[in-house]
Amino acid sequence: MGYRVREFQETPNPGAVKVVLEGVIAPLAAQNGSPRSYRSAESAAQDPLAARLFRISGVENILISTDWLTVGKRPDATWKSVKSAVEKALAEVE
């Protein structure tokens, strides 16, 4: 399956980036299509997509919507490495 990144967009928060996708993100049944917000890997444990993204070094928080998501990074992480890893992780989603 996988998700393809259309573009990364800056946000007003320099520690977060919006990831616009070419397709629609599969909703979690328990969420009824509502946006999903996570501030830790532990809180995302039941969401396979969020859990995968939290495995990326430097990822601090995640907001998942229907055709985009926002990824927040720790101050010591670089956008170059985080964006590259996010793109790869999304492409590998089954």
PDB file of N, CA and C in Angstrom:
ATOM      1  N   MET A   1       0.849  -1.179   0.000  1.00  0.00           N
ATOM      2  CA  MET A   1       0.000   0.000   0.000  1.00  0.00           C
ATOM      3  C   MET A   1       0.890   1.235   0.000  1.00  0.00           C
ATOM      4  N   GLY A   2       1.337   1.677   1.141  1.00  0.00           N
ATOM      5  CA  GLY A   2       2.233   2.826   1.239  1.00  0.00           C
ATOM      6  C   GLY A   2       1.548   4.148   0.947  1.00  0.00           C
ATOM      7  N   TYR A   3       2.149   5.187   1.441  1.00  0.00           N
ATOM      8  CA  TYR A   3       1.680   6.549   1.197  1.00  0.00           C
ATOM      9  C   TYR A   3       2.788   7.326   0.517  1.00  0.00           C
ATOM     10  N   ARG A   4       2.422   8.116  -0.455  1.00  0.00           N
ATOM     11  CA  ARG A   4       3.402   8.921  -1.169  1.00  0.00           C
ATOM     12  C   ARG A   4       3.277  10.379  -0.738  1.00  0.00           C
ATOM     13  N   VAL A   5       4.404  10.975  -0.388  1.00  0.00           N
ATOM     14  CA  VAL A   5       4.431  12.366   0.044  1.00  0.00           C
ATOM     15  C   VAL A   5       4.361  13.272  -1.180  1.00  0.00           C
ATOM     16  N   ARG A   6       3.371  14.156  -1.209  1.00  0.00           N
ATOM     17  CA  ARG A   6       3.270  15.144  -2.277  1.00  0.00           C
ATOM     18  C   ARG A   6       4.210  16.311  -1.990  1.00  0.00           C
ATOM     19  N   GLU A   7       4.178  16.774  -0.716  1.00  0.00           N
ATOM     20  CA  GLU A   7       5.075  17.869  -0.344  1.00  0.00           C
ATOM     21  C   GLU A   7       5.148  18.017   1.163  1.00  0.00           C
ATOM     22  N   PHE A   8       6.221  18.655   1.600  1.00  0.00           N
ATOM     23  CA  PHE A   8       6.380  19.073   2.983  1.00  0.00           C
ATOM     24  C   PHE A   8       6.116  20.570   3.011  1.00  0.00           C
ATOM     25  N   GLN A   9       5.286  21.007   3.963  1.00  0.00           N
ATOM     26  CA  GLN A   9       4.979  22.428   4.089  1.00  0.00           C
ATOM     27  C   GLN A   9       5.418  22.933   5.457  1.00  0.00           C
ATOM     28  N   GLU A  10       6.016  24.115   5.470  1.00  0.00           N
ATOM     29  CA  GLU A  10       6.372  24.736   6.740  1.00  0.00           C
ATOM     30  C   GLU A  10       5.092  25.094   7.487  1.00  0.00           C
ATOM     31  N   THR A  11       5.208  25.159   8.802  1.00  0.00           N
ATOM     32  CA  THR A  11       4.095  25.581   9.658  1.00  0.00           C
ATOM     33  C   THR A  11       4.569  26.783  10.474  1.00  0.00           C
ATOM     34  N   PRO A  12       3.673  27.460  11.161  1.00  0.00           N
ATOM     35  CA  PRO A  12       4.113  28.570  12.014  1.00  0.00           C
ATOM     36  C   PRO A  12       5.082  28.116  13.113  1.00  0.00           C
ATOM     37  N   ASN A  13       5.044  26.835  13.430  1.00  0.00           N
ATOM     38  CA  ASN A  13       5.931  26.265  14.446  1.00  0.00           C
ATOM     39  C   ASN A  13       7.184  25.729  13.747  1.00  0.00           C
ATOM     40  N   PRO A  14       8.362  26.299  13.998  1.00  0.00           N
ATOM     41  CA  PRO A  14       9.573  25.821  13.340  1.00  0.00           C
ATOM     42  C   PRO A  14       9.953  24.394  13.734  1.00  0.00           C
ATOM     43  N   GLY A  15       9.320  23.859  14.763  1.00  0.00           N
ATOM     44  CA  GLY A  15       9.583  22.492  15.190  1.00  0.00           C
ATOM     45  C   GLY A  15       8.598  21.487  14.633  1.00  0.00           C
ATOM     46  N   ALA A  16       7.777  21.909  13.661  1.00  0.00           N
ATOM     47  CA  ALA A  16       6.780  21.006  13.071  1.00  0.00           C
ATOM     48  C   ALA A  16       6.686  21.251  11.577  1.00  0.00           C
ATOM     49  N   VAL A  17       6.355  20.195  10.850  1.00  0.00           N
ATOM     50  CA  VAL A  17       6.183  20.284   9.409  1.00  0.00           C
ATOM     51  C   VAL A  17       4.905  19.530   9.023  1.00  0.00           C
ATOM     52  N   LYS A  18       4.185  20.082   8.058  1.00  0.00           N
ATOM     53  CA  LYS A  18       2.981  19.430   7.537  1.00  0.00           C
ATOM     54  C   LYS A  18       3.401  18.559   6.360  1.00  0.00           C
ATOM     55  N   VAL A  19       2.954  17.316   6.356  1.00  0.00           N
ATOM     56  CA  VAL A  19       3.277  16.366   5.298  1.00  0.00           C
ATOM     57  C   VAL A  19       1.995  16.114   4.515  1.00  0.00           C
ATOM     58  N   VAL A  20       1.938  16.630   3.292  1.00  0.00           N
ATOM     59  CA  VAL A  20       0.757  16.467   2.446  1.00  0.00           C
ATOM     60  C   VAL A  20       0.955  15.209   1.604  1.00  0.00           C
ATOM     61  N   LEU A  21      -0.042  14.336   1.616  1.00  0.00           N
ATOM     62  CA  LEU A  21       0.055  13.057   0.921  1.00  0.00           C
ATOM     63  C   LEU A  21      -0.743  13.048  -0.370  1.00  0.00           C
ATOM     64  N   GLU A  22      -0.434  12.110  -1.241  1.00  0.00           N
ATOM     65  CA  GLU A  22      -1.171  11.972  -2.501  1.00  0.00           C
ATOM     66  C   GLU A  22      -2.446  11.159  -2.336  1.00  0.00           C
ATOM     67  N   GLY A  23      -2.577  10.439  -1.246  1.00  0.00           N
ATOM     68  CA  GLY A  23      -3.768   9.627  -1.017  1.00  0.00           C
ATOM     69  C   GLY A  23      -4.403   9.954   0.314  1.00  0.00           C
ATOM     70  N   VAL A  24      -5.342   9.114   0.701  1.00  0.00           N
ATOM     71  CA  VAL A  24      -6.065   9.293   1.953  1.00  0.00           C
ATOM     72  C   VAL A  24      -5.530   8.291   2.973  1.00  0.00           C
ATOM     73  N   ILE A  25      -5.334   8.742   4.182  1.00  0.00           N
ATOM     74  CA  ILE A  25      -4.853   7.885   5.259  1.00  0.00           C
ATOM     75  C   ILE A  25      -6.010   7.054   5.780  1.00  0.00           C
ATOM     76  N   ALA A  26      -5.772   5.750   5.909  1.00  0.00           N
ATOM     77  CA  ALA A  26      -6.808   4.855   6.421  1.00  0.00           C
ATOM     78  C   ALA A  26      -7.160   5.252   7.851  1.00  0.00           C
ATOM     79  N   PRO A  27      -8.450   5.447   8.131  1.00  0.00           N
ATOM     80  CA  PRO A  27      -8.842   5.836   9.486  1.00  0.00           C
ATOM     81  C   PRO A  27      -8.779   4.644  10.442  1.00  0.00           C
ATOM     82  N   LEU A  28      -8.631   4.918  11.715  1.00  0.00           N
ATOM     83  CA  LEU A  28      -8.750   3.884  12.731  1.00  0.00           C
ATOM     84  C   LEU A  28     -10.229   3.739  13.057  1.00  0.00           C
ATOM     85  N   ALA A  29     -10.685   2.523  13.178  1.00  0.00           N
ATOM     86  CA  ALA A  29     -12.108   2.288  13.456  1.00  0.00           C
ATOM     87  C   ALA A  29     -12.559   3.012  14.720  1.00  0.00           C
ATOM     88  N   ALA A  30     -11.729   2.996  15.737  1.00  0.00           N
ATOM     89  CA  ALA A  30     -12.094   3.626  17.016  1.00  0.00           C
ATOM     90  C   ALA A  30     -12.170   5.143  16.929  1.00  0.00           C
ATOM     91  N   GLN A  31     -11.548   5.733  15.934  1.00  0.00           N
ATOM     92  CA  GLN A  31     -11.502   7.187  15.814  1.00  0.00           C
ATOM     93  C   GLN A  31     -12.602   7.754  14.914  1.00  0.00           C
ATOM     94  N   ASN A  32     -13.277   6.933  14.149  1.00  0.00           N
ATOM     95  CA  ASN A  32     -14.347   7.380  13.253  1.00  0.00           C
ATOM     96  C   ASN A  32     -13.895   8.482  12.291  1.00  0.00           C
ATOM     97  N   GLY A  33     -12.639   8.425  11.858  1.00  0.00           N
ATOM     98  CA  GLY A  33     -12.142   9.404  10.900  1.00  0.00           C
ATOM     99  C   GLY A  33     -11.701  10.725  11.503  1.00  0.00           C
ATOM    100  N   SER A  34     -11.768  10.860  12.823  1.00  0.00           N
ATOM    101  CA  SER A  34     -11.327  12.093  13.478  1.00  0.00           C
ATOM    102  C   SER A  34      -9.806  12.196  13.446  1.00  0.00           C
ATOM    103  N   PRO A  35      -9.267  13.412  13.473  1.00  0.00           N
ATOM    104  CA  PRO A  35      -7.811  13.554  13.552  1.00  0.00           C
ATOM    105  C   PRO A  35      -7.270  12.848  14.798  1.00  0.00           C
ATOM    106  N   ARG A  36      -6.063  12.309  14.667  1.00  0.00           N
ATOM    107  CA  ARG A  36      -5.416  11.583  15.761  1.00  0.00           C
ATOM    108  C   ARG A  36      -4.160  12.342  16.172  1.00  0.00           C
ATOM    109  N   SER A  37      -4.041  12.643  17.443  1.00  0.00           N
ATOM    110  CA  SER A  37      -2.919  13.420  17.956  1.00  0.00           C
ATOM    111  C   SER A  37      -2.187  12.624  19.025  1.00  0.00           C
ATOM    112  N   TYR A  38      -0.848  12.571  18.900  1.00  0.00           N
ATOM    113  CA  TYR A  38      -0.031  11.815  19.844  1.00  0.00           C
ATOM    114  C   TYR A  38       1.175  12.636  20.260  1.00  0.00           C
ATOM    115  N   ARG A  39       1.485  12.603  21.555  1.00  0.00           N
ATOM    116  CA  ARG A  39       2.634  13.330  22.087  1.00  0.00           C
ATOM    117  C   ARG A  39       3.752  12.394  22.542  1.00  0.00           C
ATOM    118  N   SER A  40       3.532  11.079  22.403  1.00  0.00           N
ATOM    119  CA  SER A  40       4.561  10.121  22.802  1.00  0.00           C
ATOM    120  C   SER A  40       4.335   8.805  22.067  1.00  0.00           C
ATOM    121  N   ALA A  41       5.388   8.008  21.993  1.00  0.00           N
ATOM    122  CA  ALA A  41       5.279   6.690  21.372  1.00  0.00           C
ATOM    123  C   ALA A  41       4.301   5.813  22.155  1.00  0.00           C
ATOM    124  N   GLU A  42       4.290   5.967  23.457  1.00  0.00           N
ATOM    125  CA  GLU A  42       3.388   5.166  24.292  1.00  0.00           C
ATOM    126  C   GLU A  42       1.922   5.464  23.960  1.00  0.00           C
ATOM    127  N   SER A  43       1.592   6.725  23.775  1.00  0.00           N
ATOM    128  CA  SER A  43       0.202   7.084  23.471  1.00  0.00           C
ATOM    129  C   SER A  43      -0.201   6.633  22.069  1.00  0.00           C
ATOM    130  N   ALA A  44       0.785   6.384  21.204  1.00  0.00           N
ATOM    131  CA  ALA A  44       0.514   5.979  19.819  1.00  0.00           C
ATOM    132  C   ALA A  44       0.593   4.468  19.613  1.00  0.00           C
ATOM    133  N   ALA A  45       0.774   3.717  20.666  1.00  0.00           N
ATOM    134  CA  ALA A  45       1.017   2.274  20.551  1.00  0.00           C
ATOM    135  C   ALA A  45      -0.095   1.531  19.808  1.00  0.00           C
ATOM    136  N   GLN A  46      -1.333   1.989  19.888  1.00  0.00           N
ATOM    137  CA  GLN A  46      -2.448   1.298  19.246  1.00  0.00           C
ATOM    138  C   GLN A  46      -2.716   1.781  17.817  1.00  0.00           C
ATOM    139  N   ASP A  47      -1.918   2.714  17.340  1.00  0.00           N
ATOM    140  CA  ASP A  47      -2.070   3.262  15.996  1.00  0.00           C
ATOM    141  C   ASP A  47      -0.827   2.861  15.185  1.00  0.00           C
ATOM    142  N   PRO A  48      -0.953   1.888  14.293  1.00  0.00           N
ATOM    143  CA  PRO A  48       0.221   1.383  13.573  1.00  0.00           C
ATOM    144  C   PRO A  48       0.998   2.454  12.798  1.00  0.00           C
ATOM    145  N   LEU A  49       0.307   3.391  12.179  1.00  0.00           N
ATOM    146  CA  LEU A  49       0.989   4.438  11.424  1.00  0.00           C
ATOM    147  C   LEU A  49       1.768   5.358  12.362  1.00  0.00           C
ATOM    148  N   ALA A  50       1.129   5.813  13.417  1.00  0.00           N
ATOM    149  CA  ALA A  50       1.801   6.700  14.370  1.00  0.00           C
ATOM    150  C   ALA A  50       2.966   5.984  15.052  1.00  0.00           C
ATOM    151  N   ALA A  51       2.762   4.730  15.425  1.00  0.00           N
ATOM    152  CA  ALA A  51       3.836   3.968  16.071  1.00  0.00           C
ATOM    153  C   ALA A  51       5.045   3.860  15.146  1.00  0.00           C
ATOM    154  N   ARG A  52       4.810   3.656  13.863  1.00  0.00           N
ATOM    155  CA  ARG A  52       5.899   3.573  12.889  1.00  0.00           C
ATOM    156  C   ARG A  52       6.651   4.910  12.821  1.00  0.00           C
ATOM    157  N   LEU A  53       5.922   6.006  12.815  1.00  0.00           N
ATOM    158  CA  LEU A  53       6.552   7.322  12.736  1.00  0.00           C
ATOM    159  C   LEU A  53       7.342   7.657  14.000  1.00  0.00           C
ATOM    160  N   PHE A  54       6.864   7.206  15.157  1.00  0.00           N
ATOM    161  CA  PHE A  54       7.591   7.457  16.394  1.00  0.00           C
ATOM    162  C   PHE A  54       8.897   6.667  16.479  1.00  0.00           C
ATOM    163  N   ARG A  55       9.079   5.663  15.646  1.00  0.00           N
ATOM    164  CA  ARG A  55      10.347   4.932  15.607  1.00  0.00           C
ATOM    165  C   ARG A  55      11.453   5.753  14.939  1.00  0.00           C
ATOM    166  N   ILE A  56      11.079   6.853  14.308  1.00  0.00           N
ATOM    167  CA  ILE A  56      12.059   7.729  13.653  1.00  0.00           C
ATOM    168  C   ILE A  56      12.759   8.568  14.710  1.00  0.00           C
ATOM    169  N   SER A  57      14.066   8.548  14.675  1.00  0.00           N
ATOM    170  CA  SER A  57      14.857   9.324  15.622  1.00  0.00           C
ATOM    171  C   SER A  57      14.546  10.817  15.470  1.00  0.00           C
ATOM    172  N   GLY A  58      14.204  11.457  16.573  1.00  0.00           N
ATOM    173  CA  GLY A  58      13.936  12.890  16.565  1.00  0.00           C
ATOM    174  C   GLY A  58      12.471  13.261  16.541  1.00  0.00           C
ATOM    175  N   VAL A  59      11.573  12.313  16.241  1.00  0.00           N
ATOM    176  CA  VAL A  59      10.142  12.632  16.196  1.00  0.00           C
ATOM    177  C   VAL A  59       9.622  12.784  17.623  1.00  0.00           C
ATOM    178  N   GLU A  60       8.910  13.894  17.852  1.00  0.00           N
ATOM    179  CA  GLU A  60       8.432  14.232  19.195  1.00  0.00           C
ATOM    180  C   GLU A  60       6.908  14.151  19.324  1.00  0.00           C
ATOM    181  N   ASN A  61       6.179  14.485  18.261  1.00  0.00           N
ATOM    182  CA  ASN A  61       4.719  14.418  18.297  1.00  0.00           C
ATOM    183  C   ASN A  61       4.182  14.287  16.871  1.00  0.00           C
ATOM    184  N   ILE A  62       2.928  13.818  16.783  1.00  0.00           N
ATOM    185  CA  ILE A  62       2.324  13.539  15.483  1.00  0.00           C
ATOM    186  C   ILE A  62       0.835  13.879  15.529  1.00  0.00           C
ATOM    187  N   LEU A  63       0.358  14.489  14.465  1.00  0.00           N
ATOM    188  CA  LEU A  63      -1.070  14.734  14.265  1.00  0.00           C
ATOM    189  C   LEU A  63      -1.409  14.139  12.903  1.00  0.00           C
ATOM    190  N   ILE A  64      -2.381  13.226  12.870  1.00  0.00           N
ATOM    191  CA  ILE A  64      -2.751  12.552  11.625  1.00  0.00           C
ATOM    192  C   ILE A  64      -4.172  12.954  11.250  1.00  0.00           C
ATOM    193  N   SER A  65      -4.346  13.436  10.014  1.00  0.00           N
ATOM    194  CA  SER A  65      -5.664  13.786   9.497  1.00  0.00           C
ATOM    195  C   SER A  65      -5.963  12.870   8.301  1.00  0.00           C
ATOM    196  N   THR A  66      -6.853  13.279   7.418  1.00  0.00           N
ATOM    197  CA  THR A  66      -7.264  12.402   6.322  1.00  0.00           C
ATOM    198  C   THR A  66      -6.259  12.295   5.177  1.00  0.00           C
ATOM    199  N   ASP A  67      -5.690  13.420   4.738  1.00  0.00           N
ATOM    200  CA  ASP A  67      -4.735  13.348   3.626  1.00  0.00           C
ATOM    201  C   ASP A  67      -3.448  14.114   3.931  1.00  0.00           C
ATOM    202  N   TRP A  68      -3.219  14.363   5.204  1.00  0.00           N
ATOM    203  CA  TRP A  68      -1.992  15.017   5.647  1.00  0.00           C
ATOM    204  C   TRP A  68      -1.722  14.634   7.092  1.00  0.00           C
ATOM    205  N   LEU A  69      -0.494  14.883   7.495  1.00  0.00           N
ATOM    206  CA  LEU A  69      -0.127  14.709   8.889  1.00  0.00           C
ATOM    207  C   LEU A  69       0.895  15.766   9.247  1.00  0.00           C
ATOM    208  N   THR A  70       1.019  16.036  10.518  1.00  0.00           N
ATOM    209  CA  THR A  70       2.021  16.982  10.995  1.00  0.00           C
ATOM    210  C   THR A  70       2.968  16.220  11.908  1.00  0.00           C
ATOM    211  N   VAL A  71       4.249  16.435  11.676  1.00  0.00           N
ATOM    212  CA  VAL A  71       5.277  15.786  12.481  1.00  0.00           C
ATOM    213  C   VAL A  71       6.062  16.865  13.211  1.00  0.00           C
ATOM    214  N   GLY A  72       6.174  16.713  14.516  1.00  0.00           N
ATOM    215  CA  GLY A  72       6.996  17.608  15.322  1.00  0.00           C
ATOM    216  C   GLY A  72       8.299  16.916  15.653  1.00  0.00           C
ATOM    217  N   LYS A  73       9.387  17.678  15.682  1.00  0.00           N
ATOM    218  CA  LYS A  73      10.693  17.084  15.970  1.00  0.00           C
ATOM    219  C   LYS A  73      11.316  17.716  17.208  1.00  0.00           C
ATOM    220  N   ARG A  74      12.249  16.970  17.790  1.00  0.00           N
ATOM    221  CA  ARG A  74      13.025  17.509  18.905  1.00  0.00           C
ATOM    222  C   ARG A  74      13.981  18.569  18.369  1.00  0.00           C
ATOM    223  N   PRO A  75      14.366  19.544  19.197  1.00  0.00           N
ATOM    224  CA  PRO A  75      15.268  20.613  18.739  1.00  0.00           C
ATOM    225  C   PRO A  75      16.620  20.107  18.209  1.00  0.00           C
ATOM    226  N   ASP A  76      17.103  18.987  18.725  1.00  0.00           N
ATOM    227  CA  ASP A  76      18.402  18.485  18.298  1.00  0.00           C
ATOM    228  C   ASP A  76      18.353  17.685  16.989  1.00  0.00           C
ATOM    229  N   ALA A  77      17.170  17.399  16.472  1.00  0.00           N
ATOM    230  CA  ALA A  77      17.027  16.649  15.221  1.00  0.00           C
ATOM    231  C   ALA A  77      17.061  17.608  14.029  1.00  0.00           C
ATOM    232  N   THR A  78      17.540  17.134  12.891  1.00  0.00           N
ATOM    233  CA  THR A  78      17.564  17.966  11.689  1.00  0.00           C
ATOM    234  C   THR A  78      16.369  17.622  10.805  1.00  0.00           C
ATOM    235  N   TRP A  79      15.836  18.643  10.132  1.00  0.00           N
ATOM    236  CA  TRP A  79      14.703  18.395   9.232  1.00  0.00           C
ATOM    237  C   TRP A  79      15.105  17.477   8.098  1.00  0.00           C
ATOM    238  N   LYS A  80      16.316  17.593   7.616  1.00  0.00           N
ATOM    239  CA  LYS A  80      16.759  16.747   6.504  1.00  0.00           C
ATOM    240  C   LYS A  80      16.610  15.268   6.863  1.00  0.00           C
ATOM    241  N   SER A  81      17.108  14.863   8.021  1.00  0.00           N
ATOM    242  CA  SER A  81      17.031  13.450   8.396  1.00  0.00           C
ATOM    243  C   SER A  81      15.603  13.031   8.741  1.00  0.00           C
ATOM    244  N   VAL A  82      14.855  13.892   9.432  1.00  0.00           N
ATOM    245  CA  VAL A  82      13.481  13.544   9.803  1.00  0.00           C
ATOM    246  C   VAL A  82      12.601  13.415   8.558  1.00  0.00           C
ATOM    247  N   LYS A  83      12.665  14.374   7.649  1.00  0.00           N
ATOM    248  CA  LYS A  83      11.839  14.317   6.433  1.00  0.00           C
ATOM    249  C   LYS A  83      12.149  13.076   5.611  1.00  0.00           C
ATOM    250  N   SER A  84      13.413  12.780   5.450  1.00  0.00           N
ATOM    251  CA  SER A  84      13.815  11.606   4.685  1.00  0.00           C
ATOM    252  C   SER A  84      13.265  10.326   5.316  1.00  0.00           C
ATOM    253  N   ALA A  85      13.375  10.204   6.644  1.00  0.00           N
ATOM    254  CA  ALA A  85      12.888   9.031   7.339  1.00  0.00           C
ATOM    255  C   ALA A  85      11.364   8.941   7.306  1.00  0.00           C
ATOM    256  N   VAL A  86      10.682  10.070   7.408  1.00  0.00           N
ATOM    257  CA  VAL A  86       9.214  10.087   7.332  1.00  0.00           C
ATOM    258  C   VAL A  86       8.763   9.607   5.960  1.00  0.00           C
ATOM    259  N   GLU A  87       9.384  10.122   4.918  1.00  0.00           N
ATOM    260  CA  GLU A  87       9.025   9.728   3.554  1.00  0.00           C
ATOM    261  C   GLU A  87       9.214   8.220   3.359  1.00  0.00           C
ATOM    262  N   LYS A  88      10.316   7.694   3.853  1.00  0.00           N
ATOM    263  CA  LYS A  88      10.611   6.263   3.726  1.00  0.00           C
ATOM    264  C   LYS A  88       9.600   5.446   4.534  1.00  0.00           C
ATOM    265  N   ALA A  89       9.327   5.843   5.777  1.00  0.00           N
ATOM    266  CA  ALA A  89       8.391   5.113   6.626  1.00  0.00           C
ATOM    267  C   ALA A  89       6.993   5.084   6.027  1.00  0.00           C
ATOM    268  N   LEU A  90       6.543   6.214   5.467  1.00  0.00           N
ATOM    269  CA  LEU A  90       5.219   6.268   4.852  1.00  0.00           C
ATOM    270  C   LEU A  90       5.139   5.376   3.623  1.00  0.00           C
ATOM    271  N   ALA A  91       6.190   5.340   2.835  1.00  0.00           N
ATOM    272  CA  ALA A  91       6.216   4.515   1.622  1.00  0.00           C
ATOM    273  C   ALA A  91       6.146   3.026   1.954  1.00  0.00           C
ATOM    274  N   GLU A  92       6.648   2.650   3.132  1.00  0.00           N
ATOM    275  CA  GLU A  92       6.710   1.239   3.514  1.00  0.00           C
ATOM    276  C   GLU A  92       5.487   0.742   4.283  1.00  0.00           C
ATOM    277  N   VAL A  93       4.503   1.607   4.529  1.00  0.00           N
ATOM    278  CA  VAL A  93       3.292   1.202   5.254  1.00  0.00           C
ATOM    279  C   VAL A  93       2.575   0.130   4.433  1.00  0.00           C
ATOM    280  N   GLU A  94       2.170  -0.923   5.124  1.00  0.00           N
ATOM    281  CA  GLU A  94       1.460  -2.024   4.452  1.00  0.00           C
ATOM    282  C   GLU A  94      -0.031  -1.850   4.492  1.00  0.00           C
TER     283      GLU A  94
END
